[in-house]
Amino acid sequence: MTLISVQNLTKHFEYYEKEQGLKSSFRNLLHRKKMVKAAVEQVSFEIKKGEMVAFLGPNGAGKTTTLKMLSGILHPSEGSASIMGFTPWERKNEFKKAMSIVMGQKSQLWWDLPAIDSFYLLKNIYDLSDENYNNTLNELVELLDVKHVLNIQVRRLSLGERMKLELIAALLHSPKVLFLDEPTIGLDFISQKNIREFLKKYNRDTQTTIILTSHYMKDIEDLCDRSIIINKGKLIYDGKISEIQSAFQRKKRMKISLSELLAREQFETLGSIKEYNGYDVVLEVENERFKEIAHLVLEQYPVQDLTIEDIPLEEGISLMYQKGEQDQ
C-alpha cells in the first residue's frame, strides 16, 4: 500500500543580488537583480506503508527543503504530493495529527522547562485522552530509558538525552509518518547506537513509515534497505542500498604495510593509488585482478601486513553524487 506519493515536486527560491556600497543600496530601491535558486527540481517517488527510507544527498542538495514540503512547512513551486491521502501544504488538522517531524538541529521542547511539561502541552495540542497519553508516554520512556530526566530542565540535559526526549515528543500522538532530519547529529557513538536501536524496534512494532536523512552511514546501513538520493535538487537514484554497494564492488581496496621504504612508482602499475606515505599504501584494484595483485605483492614486496576490503558505502554514494553532477 502506497502511503506517500510525490510527483514532479519542485521548489524555487527567489532572492536579490546587491553590490557593496551605499550607492548600490539606493540603486536597489529602483531596480533589483532577481535571482532564482532551484532547491528541488522535478522530484518523484513513492513510499509504501511501514518502509524506512534513507533520503540522502550532499549539503545543499535539497533534502531538508523536500522534507519541509512533505511535512507541510513549505509550499512547492510546482508538482504534487499525497501523504495518507492528504496534500501536506493544505495543513489539515487530520494530517498534522498523523505525521511528525524531528529536526536534529531544532527543538520542539521548551528549553527552560522539564520535558514532562512539554509533553503535557503536546497532549493537549493533539487532544490525547489521559489513558492514551499515559500508556504511550510510559512505553516510550521505558524504551528510551529516560525516566530519570523527565523532571529536569531541558537545557541541563546532555545532547543524547535531549534527542531521546525529542523523539518522545514526536511520537506521543502515534504518527503514521515520521520525518527524521539528522536525528543523530552531534551525538556520541553510544547515543547514536541507542537511537538506531530504538528506531529499528519502533518501526518494526508500529509499522510507522519513516523517511530519514543522515550524514552518518552507520545510521543508513543499520536502519534502511532503500535509499533515495538527490543532488542539486534532482533525483539521481532510487533503489536498494545493497545495489549501490554491488555497483561499486567491481573493485577491492588493498591496504599494504611495508617494512622498507618503497617509491610510489613501484605501485602505479598495480592499481589506483588512493594513499601513499612510503611505508603504507592503499590501492584500488579491479575484482578480477585482486588475487593476482595480492600474490604479486606478497611475493615481491617487503610486506608486513596486507588487508583487502570492499569499498565503503559512503564512497560509493559519493561517487553517485559525482556521477549525478556529470549527468546534469
C-alpha atoms as a PDB file:
ATOM      1  CA  MET A   1       0.000   0.000   0.000  1.00  0.00           C
ATOM      2  CA  THR A   2       1.475   3.341  -1.129  1.00  0.00           C
ATOM      3  CA  LEU A   3       1.378   5.864   1.706  1.00  0.00           C
ATOM      4  CA  ILE A   4       3.486   8.651   0.165  1.00  0.00           C
ATOM      5  CA  SER A   5       3.303   9.641  -3.497  1.00  0.00           C
ATOM      6  CA  VAL A   6       5.384  12.531  -4.840  1.00  0.00           C
ATOM      7  CA  GLN A   7       5.122  13.736  -8.438  1.00  0.00           C
ATOM      8  CA  ASN A   8       7.439  16.333 -10.031  1.00  0.00           C
ATOM      9  CA  LEU A   9       7.913  18.194  -6.746  1.00  0.00           C
ATOM     10  CA  THR A  10       9.733  21.480  -7.335  1.00  0.00           C
ATOM     11  CA  LYS A  11      10.759  24.377  -5.107  1.00  0.00           C
ATOM     12  CA  HIS A  12      12.357  27.601  -6.341  1.00  0.00           C
ATOM     13  CA  PHE A  13      13.510  30.358  -4.003  1.00  0.00           C
ATOM     14  CA  GLU A  14      13.733  33.948  -5.211  1.00  0.00           C
ATOM     15  CA  TYR A  15      16.342  36.313  -3.841  1.00  0.00           C
ATOM     16  CA  TYR A  16      18.081  39.519  -4.832  1.00  0.00           C
ATOM     17  CA  GLU A  17      21.684  40.383  -5.532  1.00  0.00           C
ATOM     18  CA  LYS A  18      23.159  43.551  -4.072  1.00  0.00           C
ATOM     19  CA  GLU A  19      26.590  45.005  -4.710  1.00  0.00           C
ATOM     20  CA  GLN A  20      28.639  46.610  -1.960  1.00  0.00           C
ATOM     21  CA  GLY A  21      28.217  50.280  -1.046  1.00  0.00           C
ATOM     22  CA  LEU A  22      25.631  52.960  -0.313  1.00  0.00           C
ATOM     23  CA  LYS A  23      25.185  53.807  -3.994  1.00  0.00           C
ATOM     24  CA  SER A  24      24.154  50.221  -4.720  1.00  0.00           C
ATOM     25  CA  SER A  25      21.653  50.368  -1.863  1.00  0.00           C
ATOM     26  CA  PHE A  26      19.926  53.388  -3.428  1.00  0.00           C
ATOM     27  CA  ARG A  27      20.042  51.775  -6.888  1.00  0.00           C
ATOM     28  CA  ASN A  28      18.359  48.667  -5.475  1.00  0.00           C
ATOM     29  CA  LEU A  29      15.396  50.774  -4.361  1.00  0.00           C
ATOM     30  CA  LEU A  30      14.566  51.313  -8.046  1.00  0.00           C
ATOM     31  CA  HIS A  31      15.867  48.157  -9.640  1.00  0.00           C
ATOM     32  CA  ARG A  32      16.952  44.882  -8.078  1.00  0.00           C
ATOM     33  CA  LYS A  33      18.501  41.940  -9.855  1.00  0.00           C
ATOM     34  CA  LYS A  34      16.315  38.961  -9.078  1.00  0.00           C
ATOM     35  CA  MET A  35      17.943  35.536  -8.756  1.00  0.00           C
ATOM     36  CA  VAL A  36      16.257  32.138  -8.643  1.00  0.00           C
ATOM     37  CA  LYS A  37      17.621  29.151  -6.751  1.00  0.00           C
ATOM     38  CA  ALA A  38      16.235  25.753  -7.793  1.00  0.00           C
ATOM     39  CA  ALA A  39      16.357  23.929  -4.445  1.00  0.00           C
ATOM     40  CA  VAL A  40      14.284  20.936  -5.597  1.00  0.00           C
ATOM     41  CA  GLU A  41      13.634  20.108  -9.244  1.00  0.00           C
ATOM     42  CA  GLN A  42      11.050  17.624 -10.564  1.00  0.00           C
ATOM     43  CA  VAL A  43      11.475  15.007  -7.823  1.00  0.00           C
ATOM     44  CA  SER A  44       9.159  11.961  -7.950  1.00  0.00           C
ATOM     45  CA  PHE A  45       8.953   8.815  -5.807  1.00  0.00           C
ATOM     46  CA  GLU A  46       6.573   6.568  -3.885  1.00  0.00           C
ATOM     47  CA  ILE A  47       6.937   5.038  -0.407  1.00  0.00           C
ATOM     48  CA  LYS A  48       4.876   2.177   0.995  1.00  0.00           C
ATOM     49  CA  LYS A  49       3.384   1.822   4.470  1.00  0.00           C
ATOM     50  CA  GLY A  50       5.960   0.678   7.034  1.00  0.00           C
ATOM     51  CA  GLU A  51       9.045   1.445   4.906  1.00  0.00           C
ATOM     52  CA  MET A  52      12.081   3.134   6.431  1.00  0.00           C
ATOM     53  CA  VAL A  53      13.778   5.018   3.600  1.00  0.00           C
ATOM     54  CA  ALA A  54      17.089   6.887   3.604  1.00  0.00           C
ATOM     55  CA  PHE A  55      16.869  10.297   1.915  1.00  0.00           C
ATOM     56  CA  LEU A  56      20.438  11.172   1.003  1.00  0.00           C
ATOM     57  CA  GLY A  57      22.411  13.938  -0.649  1.00  0.00           C
ATOM     58  CA  PRO A  58      25.342  16.286  -0.030  1.00  0.00           C
ATOM     59  CA  ASN A  59      24.884  19.569   1.860  1.00  0.00           C
ATOM     60  CA  GLY A  60      22.597  21.874  -0.095  1.00  0.00           C
ATOM     61  CA  ALA A  61      21.154  19.046  -2.221  1.00  0.00           C
ATOM     62  CA  GLY A  62      17.549  19.852  -1.248  1.00  0.00           C
ATOM     63  CA  LYS A  63      16.879  17.146   1.359  1.00  0.00           C
ATOM     64  CA  THR A  64      15.573  19.399   4.129  1.00  0.00           C
ATOM     65  CA  THR A  65      13.581  21.513   1.646  1.00  0.00           C
ATOM     66  CA  THR A  66      11.875  18.353   0.385  1.00  0.00           C
ATOM     67  CA  LEU A  67      11.068  17.196   3.914  1.00  0.00           C
ATOM     68  CA  LYS A  68       9.648  20.627   4.742  1.00  0.00           C
ATOM     69  CA  MET A  69       7.328  20.414   1.723  1.00  0.00           C
ATOM     70  CA  LEU A  70       6.252  16.869   2.608  1.00  0.00           C
ATOM     71  CA  SER A  71       5.529  17.909   6.191  1.00  0.00           C
ATOM     72  CA  GLY A  72       3.564  20.984   5.092  1.00  0.00           C
ATOM     73  CA  ILE A  73       6.029  23.605   6.331  1.00  0.00           C
ATOM     74  CA  LEU A  74       6.733  24.869   2.790  1.00  0.00           C
ATOM     75  CA  HIS A  75       4.558  25.197  -0.318  1.00  0.00           C
ATOM     76  CA  PRO A  76       6.103  23.838  -3.541  1.00  0.00           C
ATOM     77  CA  SER A  77       6.542  25.941  -6.651  1.00  0.00           C
ATOM     78  CA  GLU A  78       5.256  23.064  -8.790  1.00  0.00           C
ATOM     79  CA  GLY A  79       4.288  19.422  -8.513  1.00  0.00           C
ATOM     80  CA  SER A  80       2.102  17.414  -6.179  1.00  0.00           C
ATOM     81  CA  ALA A  81       2.364  15.183  -3.133  1.00  0.00           C
ATOM     82  CA  SER A  82      -0.095  12.887  -1.405  1.00  0.00           C
ATOM     83  CA  ILE A  83       0.600  11.574   2.098  1.00  0.00           C
ATOM     84  CA  MET A  84      -2.079   9.283   3.554  1.00  0.00           C
ATOM     85  CA  GLY A  85      -4.442  10.905   1.046  1.00  0.00           C
ATOM     86  CA  PHE A  86      -3.652  14.451   2.247  1.00  0.00           C
ATOM     87  CA  THR A  87      -1.925  17.290   0.422  1.00  0.00           C
ATOM     88  CA  PRO A  88       0.687  18.325   3.036  1.00  0.00           C
ATOM     89  CA  TRP A  89       0.710  22.094   2.467  1.00  0.00           C
ATOM     90  CA  GLU A  90      -3.058  22.296   2.967  1.00  0.00           C
ATOM     91  CA  ARG A  91      -2.151  21.612   6.634  1.00  0.00           C
ATOM     92  CA  LYS A  92      -5.397  19.952   7.610  1.00  0.00           C
ATOM     93  CA  ASN A  93      -5.635  19.028  11.278  1.00  0.00           C
ATOM     94  CA  GLU A  94      -6.161  15.356  10.428  1.00  0.00           C
ATOM     95  CA  PHE A  95      -2.866  15.371   8.508  1.00  0.00           C
ATOM     96  CA  LYS A  96      -0.941  17.157  11.253  1.00  0.00           C
ATOM     97  CA  LYS A  97      -2.175  14.624  13.794  1.00  0.00           C
ATOM     98  CA  ALA A  98      -0.988  11.728  11.618  1.00  0.00           C
ATOM     99  CA  MET A  99       2.594  12.887  10.943  1.00  0.00           C
ATOM    100  CA  SER A 100       5.587  14.219  12.824  1.00  0.00           C
ATOM    101  CA  ILE A 101       8.987  15.690  12.041  1.00  0.00           C
ATOM    102  CA  VAL A 102      12.199  15.689  14.083  1.00  0.00           C
ATOM    103  CA  MET A 103      14.986  18.043  13.038  1.00  0.00           C
ATOM    104  CA  GLY A 104      18.285  17.315  14.751  1.00  0.00           C
ATOM    105  CA  GLN A 105      19.262  20.978  14.886  1.00  0.00           C
ATOM    106  CA  LYS A 106      15.887  22.348  16.052  1.00  0.00           C
ATOM    107  CA  SER A 107      13.980  21.638  19.263  1.00  0.00           C
ATOM    108  CA  GLN A 108      10.256  21.415  19.938  1.00  0.00           C
ATOM    109  CA  LEU A 109      10.813  21.174  23.693  1.00  0.00           C
ATOM    110  CA  TRP A 110      10.634  24.232  25.935  1.00  0.00           C
ATOM    111  CA  TRP A 111      14.246  24.916  26.828  1.00  0.00           C
ATOM    112  CA  ASP A 112      13.648  26.238  30.361  1.00  0.00           C
ATOM    113  CA  LEU A 113      11.040  23.657  31.391  1.00  0.00           C
ATOM    114  CA  PRO A 114      11.285  19.955  32.206  1.00  0.00           C
ATOM    115  CA  ALA A 115      10.376  17.751  29.235  1.00  0.00           C
ATOM    116  CA  ILE A 116       7.349  16.380  31.084  1.00  0.00           C
ATOM    117  CA  ASP A 117       5.734  19.849  30.880  1.00  0.00           C
ATOM    118  CA  SER A 118       6.288  19.986  27.109  1.00  0.00           C
ATOM    119  CA  PHE A 119       4.807  16.509  26.796  1.00  0.00           C
ATOM    120  CA  TYR A 120       1.689  17.597  28.703  1.00  0.00           C
ATOM    121  CA  LEU A 121       1.333  20.599  26.384  1.00  0.00           C
ATOM    122  CA  LEU A 122       1.560  18.296  23.334  1.00  0.00           C
ATOM    123  CA  LYS A 123      -1.069  16.018  24.912  1.00  0.00           C
ATOM    124  CA  ASN A 124      -3.496  18.927  24.836  1.00  0.00           C
ATOM    125  CA  ILE A 125      -2.459  20.117  21.372  1.00  0.00           C
ATOM    126  CA  TYR A 126      -3.122  16.643  19.920  1.00  0.00           C
ATOM    127  CA  ASP A 127      -6.211  16.156  22.116  1.00  0.00           C
ATOM    128  CA  LEU A 128      -4.989  12.825  23.519  1.00  0.00           C
ATOM    129  CA  SER A 129      -7.005  11.018  26.165  1.00  0.00           C
ATOM    130  CA  ASP A 130      -5.371  10.545  29.569  1.00  0.00           C
ATOM    131  CA  GLU A 131      -5.190   6.799  29.041  1.00  0.00           C
ATOM    132  CA  ASN A 132      -3.687   7.043  25.556  1.00  0.00           C
ATOM    133  CA  TYR A 133      -1.193   9.698  26.675  1.00  0.00           C
ATOM    134  CA  ASN A 134      -0.038   7.817  29.776  1.00  0.00           C
ATOM    135  CA  ASN A 135       0.275   4.466  28.009  1.00  0.00           C
ATOM    136  CA  THR A 136       2.262   5.888  25.095  1.00  0.00           C
ATOM    137  CA  LEU A 137       4.467   8.056  27.317  1.00  0.00           C
ATOM    138  CA  ASN A 138       5.280   5.225  29.716  1.00  0.00           C
ATOM    139  CA  GLU A 139       6.127   2.873  26.846  1.00  0.00           C
ATOM    140  CA  LEU A 140       8.418   5.384  25.121  1.00  0.00           C
ATOM    141  CA  VAL A 141      10.095   6.432  28.389  1.00  0.00           C
ATOM    142  CA  GLU A 142      10.850   2.795  29.165  1.00  0.00           C
ATOM    143  CA  LEU A 143      12.141   2.020  25.673  1.00  0.00           C
ATOM    144  CA  LEU A 144      14.458   5.044  25.687  1.00  0.00           C
ATOM    145  CA  ASP A 145      15.387   4.784  29.379  1.00  0.00           C
ATOM    146  CA  VAL A 146      14.805   8.461  30.231  1.00  0.00           C
ATOM    147  CA  LYS A 147      12.553   8.283  33.302  1.00  0.00           C
ATOM    148  CA  HIS A 148      15.293   9.834  35.462  1.00  0.00           C
ATOM    149  CA  VAL A 149      15.469  13.028  33.329  1.00  0.00           C
ATOM    150  CA  LEU A 150      11.772  13.810  32.766  1.00  0.00           C
ATOM    151  CA  ASN A 151      11.642  16.410  35.551  1.00  0.00           C
ATOM    152  CA  ILE A 152      14.930  18.159  34.778  1.00  0.00           C
ATOM    153  CA  GLN A 153      15.176  21.397  32.766  1.00  0.00           C
ATOM    154  CA  VAL A 154      15.830  20.516  29.123  1.00  0.00           C
ATOM    155  CA  ARG A 155      18.744  22.977  28.959  1.00  0.00           C
ATOM    156  CA  ARG A 156      20.591  20.980  31.641  1.00  0.00           C
ATOM    157  CA  LEU A 157      20.471  17.664  29.767  1.00  0.00           C
ATOM    158  CA  SER A 158      23.097  16.125  27.511  1.00  0.00           C
ATOM    159  CA  LEU A 159      22.599  16.191  23.728  1.00  0.00           C
ATOM    160  CA  GLY A 160      21.843  12.468  23.699  1.00  0.00           C
ATOM    161  CA  GLU A 161      19.206  12.805  26.430  1.00  0.00           C
ATOM    162  CA  ARG A 162      17.598  15.751  24.636  1.00  0.00           C
ATOM    163  CA  MET A 163      17.368  13.830  21.369  1.00  0.00           C
ATOM    164  CA  LYS A 164      15.649  10.910  23.092  1.00  0.00           C
ATOM    165  CA  LEU A 165      13.119  13.345  24.563  1.00  0.00           C
ATOM    166  CA  GLU A 166      12.646  14.970  21.135  1.00  0.00           C
ATOM    167  CA  LEU A 167      11.730  11.553  19.756  1.00  0.00           C
ATOM    168  CA  ILE A 168       9.191  11.030  22.538  1.00  0.00           C
ATOM    169  CA  ALA A 169       7.646  14.430  21.790  1.00  0.00           C
ATOM    170  CA  ALA A 170       7.392  13.482  18.105  1.00  0.00           C
ATOM    171  CA  LEU A 171       5.832  10.077  18.805  1.00  0.00           C
ATOM    172  CA  LEU A 172       3.398  10.875  21.625  1.00  0.00           C
ATOM    173  CA  HIS A 173       0.450  11.054  19.203  1.00  0.00           C
ATOM    174  CA  SER A 174       1.498   7.812  17.409  1.00  0.00           C
ATOM    175  CA  PRO A 175       2.038   9.295  13.925  1.00  0.00           C
ATOM    176  CA  LYS A 176       1.739   7.101  10.835  1.00  0.00           C
ATOM    177  CA  VAL A 177       4.529   9.019   9.064  1.00  0.00           C
ATOM    178  CA  LEU A 178       7.735  10.263  10.698  1.00  0.00           C
ATOM    179  CA  PHE A 179      10.306  12.548   9.057  1.00  0.00           C
ATOM    180  CA  LEU A 180      13.743  12.444  10.698  1.00  0.00           C
ATOM    181  CA  ASP A 181      16.237  15.099   9.620  1.00  0.00           C
ATOM    182  CA  GLU A 182      19.702  14.301  11.046  1.00  0.00           C
ATOM    183  CA  PRO A 183      18.390  12.742  14.290  1.00  0.00           C
ATOM    184  CA  THR A 184      21.849  11.622  15.474  1.00  0.00           C
ATOM    185  CA  ILE A 185      23.827  14.740  14.543  1.00  0.00           C
ATOM    186  CA  GLY A 186      26.450  15.606  17.153  1.00  0.00           C
ATOM    187  CA  LEU A 187      25.736  12.532  19.285  1.00  0.00           C
ATOM    188  CA  ASP A 188      28.442  10.246  20.642  1.00  0.00           C
ATOM    189  CA  PHE A 189      28.778   6.665  19.401  1.00  0.00           C
ATOM    190  CA  ILE A 190      26.753   5.103  22.236  1.00  0.00           C
ATOM    191  CA  SER A 191      23.902   7.620  21.904  1.00  0.00           C
ATOM    192  CA  GLN A 192      23.776   7.085  18.136  1.00  0.00           C
ATOM    193  CA  LYS A 193      23.578   3.328  18.656  1.00  0.00           C
ATOM    194  CA  ASN A 194      20.762   3.681  21.217  1.00  0.00           C
ATOM    195  CA  ILE A 195      18.742   5.923  18.893  1.00  0.00           C
ATOM    196  CA  ARG A 196      19.215   3.495  15.993  1.00  0.00           C
ATOM    197  CA  GLU A 197      18.119   0.504  18.059  1.00  0.00           C
ATOM    198  CA  PHE A 198      15.031   2.371  19.259  1.00  0.00           C
ATOM    199  CA  LEU A 199      14.035   3.449  15.736  1.00  0.00           C
ATOM    200  CA  LYS A 200      14.502  -0.068  14.374  1.00  0.00           C
ATOM    201  CA  LYS A 201      12.291  -1.573  17.087  1.00  0.00           C
ATOM    202  CA  TYR A 202       9.691   1.201  16.839  1.00  0.00           C
ATOM    203  CA  ASN A 203       9.393   0.812  13.066  1.00  0.00           C
ATOM    204  CA  ARG A 204       9.119  -2.964  13.369  1.00  0.00           C
ATOM    205  CA  ASP A 205       6.468  -2.828  16.108  1.00  0.00           C
ATOM    206  CA  THR A 206       4.277   0.014  14.800  1.00  0.00           C
ATOM    207  CA  GLN A 207       4.860  -0.105  11.012  1.00  0.00           C
ATOM    208  CA  THR A 208       5.350   3.663  11.066  1.00  0.00           C
ATOM    209  CA  THR A 209       6.623   4.938   7.716  1.00  0.00           C
ATOM    210  CA  ILE A 210       9.930   6.755   8.264  1.00  0.00           C
ATOM    211  CA  ILE A 211      11.983   8.991   5.975  1.00  0.00           C
ATOM    212  CA  LEU A 212      15.478   9.508   7.370  1.00  0.00           C
ATOM    213  CA  THR A 213      18.214  11.925   6.377  1.00  0.00           C
ATOM    214  CA  SER A 214      21.671  11.477   7.884  1.00  0.00           C
ATOM    215  CA  HIS A 215      25.324  12.019   7.036  1.00  0.00           C
ATOM    216  CA  TYR A 216      26.248   9.060   9.254  1.00  0.00           C
ATOM    217  CA  MET A 217      26.431   5.993   7.028  1.00  0.00           C
ATOM    218  CA  LYS A 218      26.036   3.710  10.047  1.00  0.00           C
ATOM    219  CA  ASP A 219      22.515   5.119  10.504  1.00  0.00           C
ATOM    220  CA  ILE A 220      21.709   4.328   6.878  1.00  0.00           C
ATOM    221  CA  GLU A 221      23.231   0.845   6.807  1.00  0.00           C
ATOM    222  CA  ASP A 222      21.606  -0.235  10.090  1.00  0.00           C
ATOM    223  CA  LEU A 223      18.129   1.175   9.516  1.00  0.00           C
ATOM    224  CA  CYS A 224      17.282   1.340   5.820  1.00  0.00           C
ATOM    225  CA  ASP A 225      17.042  -1.095   2.911  1.00  0.00           C
ATOM    226  CA  ARG A 226      16.161   1.575   0.369  1.00  0.00           C
ATOM    227  CA  SER A 227      17.665   4.960  -0.406  1.00  0.00           C
ATOM    228  CA  ILE A 228      16.533   7.957  -2.421  1.00  0.00           C
ATOM    229  CA  ILE A 229      19.483  10.137  -3.436  1.00  0.00           C
ATOM    230  CA  ILE A 230      19.238  13.707  -4.681  1.00  0.00           C
ATOM    231  CA  ASN A 231      21.954  16.101  -5.763  1.00  0.00           C
ATOM    232  CA  LYS A 232      21.495  19.761  -6.699  1.00  0.00           C
ATOM    233  CA  GLY A 233      17.758  19.294  -6.231  1.00  0.00           C
ATOM    234  CA  LYS A 234      17.410  16.414  -8.713  1.00  0.00           C
ATOM    235  CA  LEU A 235      16.766  12.748  -8.024  1.00  0.00           C
ATOM    236  CA  ILE A 236      19.743  10.636  -9.136  1.00  0.00           C
ATOM    237  CA  TYR A 237      18.959   7.269  -7.515  1.00  0.00           C
ATOM    238  CA  ASP A 238      16.008   5.404  -6.023  1.00  0.00           C
ATOM    239  CA  GLY A 239      16.617   1.789  -5.071  1.00  0.00           C
ATOM    240  CA  LYS A 240      18.120  -0.683  -2.655  1.00  0.00           C
ATOM    241  CA  ILE A 241      21.210   0.290  -0.690  1.00  0.00           C
ATOM    242  CA  SER A 242      22.683  -3.144  -1.413  1.00  0.00           C
ATOM    243  CA  GLU A 243      22.600  -2.305  -5.121  1.00  0.00           C
ATOM    244  CA  ILE A 244      24.678   0.827  -4.507  1.00  0.00           C
ATOM    245  CA  GLN A 245      27.294  -1.347  -2.838  1.00  0.00           C
ATOM    246  CA  SER A 246      27.246  -4.018  -5.547  1.00  0.00           C
ATOM    247  CA  ALA A 247      27.576  -1.363  -8.267  1.00  0.00           C
ATOM    248  CA  PHE A 248      30.864  -0.234  -6.749  1.00  0.00           C
ATOM    249  CA  GLN A 249      32.129  -3.637  -5.670  1.00  0.00           C
ATOM    250  CA  ARG A 250      33.773  -4.251  -9.012  1.00  0.00           C
ATOM    251  CA  LYS A 251      36.856  -3.089  -7.137  1.00  0.00           C
ATOM    252  CA  LYS A 252      38.567  -4.040  -3.892  1.00  0.00           C
ATOM    253  CA  ARG A 253      40.670  -1.897  -1.613  1.00  0.00           C
ATOM    254  CA  MET A 254      44.071  -3.286  -0.703  1.00  0.00           C
ATOM    255  CA  LYS A 255      45.921  -1.869   2.328  1.00  0.00           C
ATOM    256  CA  ILE A 256      49.616  -2.688   2.374  1.00  0.00           C
ATOM    257  CA  SER A 257      52.055  -2.059   5.252  1.00  0.00           C
ATOM    258  CA  LEU A 258      55.750  -2.320   4.332  1.00  0.00           C
ATOM    259  CA  SER A 259      58.881  -2.982   6.369  1.00  0.00           C
ATOM    260  CA  GLU A 260      61.010  -0.924   3.937  1.00  0.00           C
ATOM    261  CA  LEU A 261      60.524   2.431   2.205  1.00  0.00           C
ATOM    262  CA  LEU A 262      59.457   1.962  -1.436  1.00  0.00           C
ATOM    263  CA  ALA A 263      58.922   4.550  -4.166  1.00  0.00           C
ATOM    264  CA  ARG A 264      55.386   5.378  -5.276  1.00  0.00           C
ATOM    265  CA  GLU A 265      56.255   4.400  -8.850  1.00  0.00           C
ATOM    266  CA  GLN A 266      56.592   0.741  -7.808  1.00  0.00           C
ATOM    267  CA  PHE A 267      52.844   0.556  -7.184  1.00  0.00           C
ATOM    268  CA  GLU A 268      51.491   2.540 -10.110  1.00  0.00           C
ATOM    269  CA  THR A 269      51.091  -0.485 -12.397  1.00  0.00           C
ATOM    270  CA  LEU A 270      49.216  -2.482  -9.738  1.00  0.00           C
ATOM    271  CA  GLY A 271      46.113  -0.304  -9.397  1.00  0.00           C
ATOM    272  CA  SER A 272      44.833   3.132  -8.493  1.00  0.00           C
ATOM    273  CA  ILE A 273      46.846   4.579  -5.577  1.00  0.00           C
ATOM    274  CA  LYS A 274      44.487   6.111  -3.005  1.00  0.00           C
ATOM    275  CA  GLU A 275      47.008   6.715  -0.217  1.00  0.00           C
ATOM    276  CA  TYR A 276      50.810   6.559  -0.054  1.00  0.00           C
ATOM    277  CA  ASN A 277      53.424   7.557   2.523  1.00  0.00           C
ATOM    278  CA  GLY A 278      56.336   5.238   1.666  1.00  0.00           C
ATOM    279  CA  TYR A 279      55.569   2.573   4.270  1.00  0.00           C
ATOM    280  CA  ASP A 280      51.776   2.364   3.909  1.00  0.00           C
ATOM    281  CA  VAL A 281      49.940   2.137   0.594  1.00  0.00           C
ATOM    282  CA  VAL A 282      46.237   1.868  -0.230  1.00  0.00           C
ATOM    283  CA  LEU A 283      45.445   0.516  -3.691  1.00  0.00           C
ATOM    284  CA  GLU A 284      42.130   0.178  -5.508  1.00  0.00           C
ATOM    285  CA  VAL A 285      42.216  -2.965  -7.630  1.00  0.00           C
ATOM    286  CA  GLU A 286      39.737  -4.496 -10.097  1.00  0.00           C
ATOM    287  CA  ASN A 287      37.915  -7.532  -8.665  1.00  0.00           C
ATOM    288  CA  GLU A 288      39.185  -9.914 -11.313  1.00  0.00           C
ATOM    289  CA  ARG A 289      42.810  -8.939 -10.627  1.00  0.00           C
ATOM    290  CA  PHE A 290      42.955  -8.598  -6.837  1.00  0.00           C
ATOM    291  CA  LYS A 291      44.076 -12.207  -6.192  1.00  0.00           C
ATOM    292  CA  GLU A 292      46.824 -11.888  -8.796  1.00  0.00           C
ATOM    293  CA  ILE A 293      47.925  -8.493  -7.399  1.00  0.00           C
ATOM    294  CA  ALA A 294      47.841  -9.746  -3.791  1.00  0.00           C
ATOM    295  CA  HIS A 295      50.018 -12.744  -4.728  1.00  0.00           C
ATOM    296  CA  LEU A 296      52.463 -10.488  -6.599  1.00  0.00           C
ATOM    297  CA  VAL A 297      52.711  -8.031  -3.687  1.00  0.00           C
ATOM    298  CA  LEU A 298      53.339 -10.793  -1.137  1.00  0.00           C
ATOM    299  CA  GLU A 299      55.991 -12.410  -3.376  1.00  0.00           C
ATOM    300  CA  GLN A 300      57.929  -9.337  -4.490  1.00  0.00           C
ATOM    301  CA  TYR A 301      57.459  -6.638  -1.828  1.00  0.00           C
ATOM    302  CA  PRO A 302      58.623  -6.401   1.828  1.00  0.00           C
ATOM    303  CA  VAL A 303      55.107  -6.767   3.246  1.00  0.00           C
ATOM    304  CA  GLN A 304      54.411  -6.615   6.971  1.00  0.00           C
ATOM    305  CA  ASP A 305      50.638  -6.674   6.674  1.00  0.00           C
ATOM    306  CA  LEU A 306      48.063  -6.908   3.883  1.00  0.00           C
ATOM    307  CA  THR A 307      44.297  -6.445   4.198  1.00  0.00           C
ATOM    308  CA  ILE A 308      41.618  -6.482   1.490  1.00  0.00           C
ATOM    309  CA  GLU A 309      38.297  -4.652   1.906  1.00  0.00           C
ATOM    310  CA  ASP A 310      35.232  -3.692  -0.102  1.00  0.00           C
ATOM    311  CA  ILE A 311      34.859  -0.017  -0.999  1.00  0.00           C
ATOM    312  CA  PRO A 312      32.905   1.664   1.872  1.00  0.00           C
ATOM    313  CA  LEU A 313      29.257   2.571   1.262  1.00  0.00           C
ATOM    314  CA  GLU A 314      29.889   6.284   1.820  1.00  0.00           C
ATOM    315  CA  GLU A 315      32.436   6.323  -1.008  1.00  0.00           C
ATOM    316  CA  GLY A 316      30.001   4.543  -3.302  1.00  0.00           C
ATOM    317  CA  ILE A 317      27.375   7.179  -2.526  1.00  0.00           C
ATOM    318  CA  SER A 318      29.949   9.941  -3.022  1.00  0.00           C
ATOM    319  CA  LEU A 319      30.717   8.519  -6.475  1.00  0.00           C
ATOM    320  CA  MET A 320      26.985   8.601  -7.223  1.00  0.00           C
ATOM    321  CA  TYR A 321      26.906  12.297  -6.308  1.00  0.00           C
ATOM    322  CA  GLN A 322      29.737  12.921  -8.753  1.00  0.00           C
ATOM    323  CA  LYS A 323      28.025  10.888 -11.462  1.00  0.00           C
ATOM    324  CA  GLY A 324      24.817  12.828 -10.909  1.00  0.00           C
ATOM    325  CA  GLU A 325      26.673  16.129 -11.354  1.00  0.00           C
ATOM    326  CA  GLN A 326      28.239  14.900 -14.604  1.00  0.00           C
ATOM    327  CA  ASP A 327      24.867  13.762 -15.961  1.00  0.00           C
ATOM    328  CA  GLN A 328      23.363  17.160 -15.154  1.00  0.00           C
END
